[in-house]
Amino acid sequence: MSNTIINTGQAPAPIGPYSQAVLTGNLLFVSGQIAINPENGELETSNIGEETHRVMKNIGAILSEAGLHYDHVVKSTIFLSDMDLFTEVNKIYGSYFTDNFPARETVAVKELPKKVRVEISVIASK
């Protein structure tokens, strides 16, 4: 089985040695996304709501490039810099899905890339 690398200019370019996403078989593995605006490379972190929306938009752009959308997501992982952010991030995250929510875990970590407060990765199925 061969892997297909998924990249789009509608999401930020990787900031390390990884791909935006890898499609293998019917599964799409999307790398963790942070709140980088792909149009200007700037972080959108004025508040946790704006930051979460940018992360989800970046994920949506990658899913779209692979011919998928949020309803195809079967698993996600949310990384937070502080668990006190959970309620607001959870509300915004949930607004991108309909009634079949993916499996998920949310964890607080000591630090995230570029000092952001939220990073989200997903796995989607065709």
C-alpha atoms as a PDB file:
ATOM      1  CA  MET A   1       0.000   0.000   0.000  1.00  0.00           C
ATOM      2  CA  SER A   2       1.460   3.352  -0.960  1.00  0.00           C
ATOM      3  CA  ASN A   3       1.034   6.585   0.933  1.00  0.00           C
ATOM      4  CA  THR A   4      -0.131   9.837  -0.621  1.00  0.00           C
ATOM      5  CA  ILE A   5       1.159  13.083   0.846  1.00  0.00           C
ATOM      6  CA  ILE A   6      -1.514  15.768   1.136  1.00  0.00           C
ATOM      7  CA  ASN A   7      -0.433  19.420   1.044  1.00  0.00           C
ATOM      8  CA  THR A   8      -2.423  22.574   0.391  1.00  0.00           C
ATOM      9  CA  GLY A   9      -1.603  26.254   0.367  1.00  0.00           C
ATOM     10  CA  GLN A  10      -4.921  26.799   2.159  1.00  0.00           C
ATOM     11  CA  ALA A  11      -3.302  25.542   5.386  1.00  0.00           C
ATOM     12  CA  PRO A  12       0.056  26.538   6.874  1.00  0.00           C
ATOM     13  CA  ALA A  13       3.177  24.866   5.564  1.00  0.00           C
ATOM     14  CA  PRO A  14       4.772  22.430   8.011  1.00  0.00           C
ATOM     15  CA  ILE A  15       7.263  24.040  10.394  1.00  0.00           C
ATOM     16  CA  GLY A  16       9.308  20.860  10.657  1.00  0.00           C
ATOM     17  CA  PRO A  17      10.082  17.580   8.908  1.00  0.00           C
ATOM     18  CA  TYR A  18       6.511  16.364   8.483  1.00  0.00           C
ATOM     19  CA  SER A  19       3.617  16.558   6.009  1.00  0.00           C
ATOM     20  CA  GLN A  20       0.301  18.316   6.520  1.00  0.00           C
ATOM     21  CA  ALA A  21      -1.351  14.924   6.095  1.00  0.00           C
ATOM     22  CA  VAL A  22      -0.744  11.413   4.818  1.00  0.00           C
ATOM     23  CA  LEU A  23      -3.402   9.306   3.112  1.00  0.00           C
ATOM     24  CA  THR A  24      -2.864   5.582   3.446  1.00  0.00           C
ATOM     25  CA  GLY A  25      -5.621   3.294   2.240  1.00  0.00           C
ATOM     26  CA  ASN A  26      -8.882   4.861   3.383  1.00  0.00           C
ATOM     27  CA  LEU A  27      -7.343   6.708   6.325  1.00  0.00           C
ATOM     28  CA  LEU A  28      -6.103  10.298   6.358  1.00  0.00           C
ATOM     29  CA  PHE A  29      -3.738  11.234   9.176  1.00  0.00           C
ATOM     30  CA  VAL A  30      -3.659  15.011   9.631  1.00  0.00           C
ATOM     31  CA  SER A  31      -0.704  16.436  11.525  1.00  0.00           C
ATOM     32  CA  GLY A  32      -1.337  18.654  14.509  1.00  0.00           C
ATOM     33  CA  GLN A  33      -2.481  22.103  13.450  1.00  0.00           C
ATOM     34  CA  ILE A  34      -1.899  25.356  15.270  1.00  0.00           C
ATOM     35  CA  ALA A  35      -3.342  28.822  14.635  1.00  0.00           C
ATOM     36  CA  ILE A  36      -1.088  29.932  11.785  1.00  0.00           C
ATOM     37  CA  ASN A  37      -2.897  31.891   9.079  1.00  0.00           C
ATOM     38  CA  PRO A  38      -1.719  30.344   5.784  1.00  0.00           C
ATOM     39  CA  GLU A  39      -2.180  33.629   3.902  1.00  0.00           C
ATOM     40  CA  ASN A  40       0.393  35.587   5.896  1.00  0.00           C
ATOM     41  CA  GLY A  41       2.147  33.064   8.151  1.00  0.00           C
ATOM     42  CA  GLU A  42       1.066  34.979  11.252  1.00  0.00           C
ATOM     43  CA  LEU A  43      -0.349  33.430  14.404  1.00  0.00           C
ATOM     44  CA  GLU A  44      -3.992  34.206  15.192  1.00  0.00           C
ATOM     45  CA  THR A  45      -3.893  34.046  18.963  1.00  0.00           C
ATOM     46  CA  SER A  46      -5.559  37.210  20.287  1.00  0.00           C
ATOM     47  CA  ASN A  47      -8.028  35.005  22.182  1.00  0.00           C
ATOM     48  CA  ILE A  48      -8.650  31.282  22.529  1.00  0.00           C
ATOM     49  CA  GLY A  49     -11.797  31.457  20.399  1.00  0.00           C
ATOM     50  CA  GLU A  50      -9.982  32.976  17.424  1.00  0.00           C
ATOM     51  CA  GLU A  51      -7.116  30.539  17.929  1.00  0.00           C
ATOM     52  CA  THR A  52      -9.409  27.495  17.946  1.00  0.00           C
ATOM     53  CA  HIS A  53     -11.341  28.633  14.874  1.00  0.00           C
ATOM     54  CA  ARG A  54      -8.073  29.085  12.926  1.00  0.00           C
ATOM     55  CA  VAL A  55      -6.914  25.598  13.933  1.00  0.00           C
ATOM     56  CA  MET A  56     -10.215  24.099  12.782  1.00  0.00           C
ATOM     57  CA  LYS A  57     -10.146  26.056   9.505  1.00  0.00           C
ATOM     58  CA  ASN A  58      -6.636  24.740   8.836  1.00  0.00           C
ATOM     59  CA  ILE A  59      -7.831  21.194   9.468  1.00  0.00           C
ATOM     60  CA  GLY A  60     -10.817  21.787   7.192  1.00  0.00           C
ATOM     61  CA  ALA A  61      -8.561  22.977   4.361  1.00  0.00           C
ATOM     62  CA  ILE A  62      -6.431  19.844   4.601  1.00  0.00           C
ATOM     63  CA  LEU A  63      -9.485  17.597   4.726  1.00  0.00           C
ATOM     64  CA  SER A  64     -10.879  19.385   1.662  1.00  0.00           C
ATOM     65  CA  GLU A  65      -7.636  18.911  -0.264  1.00  0.00           C
ATOM     66  CA  ALA A  66      -8.061  15.168   0.322  1.00  0.00           C
ATOM     67  CA  GLY A  67     -11.716  15.301  -0.801  1.00  0.00           C
ATOM     68  CA  LEU A  68     -13.031  14.944   2.751  1.00  0.00           C
ATOM     69  CA  HIS A  69     -14.775  17.107   5.350  1.00  0.00           C
ATOM     70  CA  TYR A  70     -15.277  17.200   9.105  1.00  0.00           C
ATOM     71  CA  ASP A  71     -17.913  14.442   9.002  1.00  0.00           C
ATOM     72  CA  HIS A  72     -15.166  12.063   7.848  1.00  0.00           C
ATOM     73  CA  VAL A  73     -13.128  12.616  11.037  1.00  0.00           C
ATOM     74  CA  VAL A  74     -13.159   9.485  13.188  1.00  0.00           C
ATOM     75  CA  LYS A  75     -10.550  10.443  15.817  1.00  0.00           C
ATOM     76  CA  SER A  76      -9.055  13.655  17.112  1.00  0.00           C
ATOM     77  CA  THR A  77      -6.596  14.732  19.739  1.00  0.00           C
ATOM     78  CA  ILE A  78      -6.696  18.156  21.340  1.00  0.00           C
ATOM     79  CA  PHE A  79      -3.615  19.459  23.098  1.00  0.00           C
ATOM     80  CA  LEU A  80      -4.120  22.417  25.449  1.00  0.00           C
ATOM     81  CA  SER A  81      -1.563  24.522  27.269  1.00  0.00           C
ATOM     82  CA  ASP A  82      -4.017  24.819  30.171  1.00  0.00           C
ATOM     83  CA  MET A  83      -7.062  22.679  30.966  1.00  0.00           C
ATOM     84  CA  ASP A  84      -8.936  25.858  31.979  1.00  0.00           C
ATOM     85  CA  LEU A  85      -9.297  26.458  28.205  1.00  0.00           C
ATOM     86  CA  PHE A  86     -11.261  23.227  27.772  1.00  0.00           C
ATOM     87  CA  THR A  87     -14.808  24.618  27.893  1.00  0.00           C
ATOM     88  CA  GLU A  88     -14.323  27.300  25.236  1.00  0.00           C
ATOM     89  CA  VAL A  89     -12.189  25.120  22.950  1.00  0.00           C
ATOM     90  CA  ASN A  90     -14.681  22.256  23.288  1.00  0.00           C
ATOM     91  CA  LYS A  91     -17.609  24.513  22.324  1.00  0.00           C
ATOM     92  CA  ILE A  92     -15.868  25.825  19.188  1.00  0.00           C
ATOM     93  CA  TYR A  93     -14.446  22.424  18.220  1.00  0.00           C
ATOM     94  CA  GLY A  94     -17.911  20.864  18.530  1.00  0.00           C
ATOM     95  CA  SER A  95     -19.461  23.481  16.231  1.00  0.00           C
ATOM     96  CA  TYR A  96     -17.503  22.047  13.273  1.00  0.00           C
ATOM     97  CA  PHE A  97     -19.237  18.653  13.536  1.00  0.00           C
ATOM     98  CA  THR A  98     -22.820  17.499  13.157  1.00  0.00           C
ATOM     99  CA  ASP A  99     -24.321  14.674  15.205  1.00  0.00           C
ATOM    100  CA  ASN A 100     -21.720  11.931  14.626  1.00  0.00           C
ATOM    101  CA  PHE A 101     -18.842  13.177  16.723  1.00  0.00           C
ATOM    102  CA  PRO A 102     -15.411  11.554  16.398  1.00  0.00           C
ATOM    103  CA  ALA A 103     -13.646   9.722  19.188  1.00  0.00           C
ATOM    104  CA  ARG A 104     -11.346  12.108  21.028  1.00  0.00           C
ATOM    105  CA  GLU A 105      -9.022  12.801  23.877  1.00  0.00           C
ATOM    106  CA  THR A 106      -7.994  16.159  25.277  1.00  0.00           C
ATOM    107  CA  VAL A 107      -4.781  16.569  27.192  1.00  0.00           C
ATOM    108  CA  ALA A 108      -2.998  19.466  28.827  1.00  0.00           C
ATOM    109  CA  VAL A 109       0.683  19.721  28.031  1.00  0.00           C
ATOM    110  CA  LYS A 110       3.485  21.852  29.364  1.00  0.00           C
ATOM    111  CA  GLU A 111       4.091  23.745  26.122  1.00  0.00           C
ATOM    112  CA  LEU A 112       3.079  23.785  22.454  1.00  0.00           C
ATOM    113  CA  PRO A 113       4.938  24.970  19.337  1.00  0.00           C
ATOM    114  CA  LYS A 114       5.271  28.748  18.996  1.00  0.00           C
ATOM    115  CA  LYS A 115       3.749  29.125  22.481  1.00  0.00           C
ATOM    116  CA  VAL A 116       0.193  28.571  21.183  1.00  0.00           C
ATOM    117  CA  ARG A 117      -2.540  27.404  23.528  1.00  0.00           C
ATOM    118  CA  VAL A 118      -4.214  24.751  21.356  1.00  0.00           C
ATOM    119  CA  GLU A 119      -3.115  22.171  18.802  1.00  0.00           C
ATOM    120  CA  ILE A 120      -5.417  19.619  17.205  1.00  0.00           C
ATOM    121  CA  SER A 121      -4.686  16.545  15.077  1.00  0.00           C
ATOM    122  CA  VAL A 122      -7.258  14.300  13.403  1.00  0.00           C
ATOM    123  CA  ILE A 123      -7.674  10.993  11.632  1.00  0.00           C
ATOM    124  CA  ALA A 124     -10.343  10.815   8.936  1.00  0.00           C
ATOM    125  CA  SER A 125     -11.782   7.898   6.985  1.00  0.00           C
ATOM    126  CA  LYS A 126     -13.024   7.914   3.377  1.00  0.00           C
END
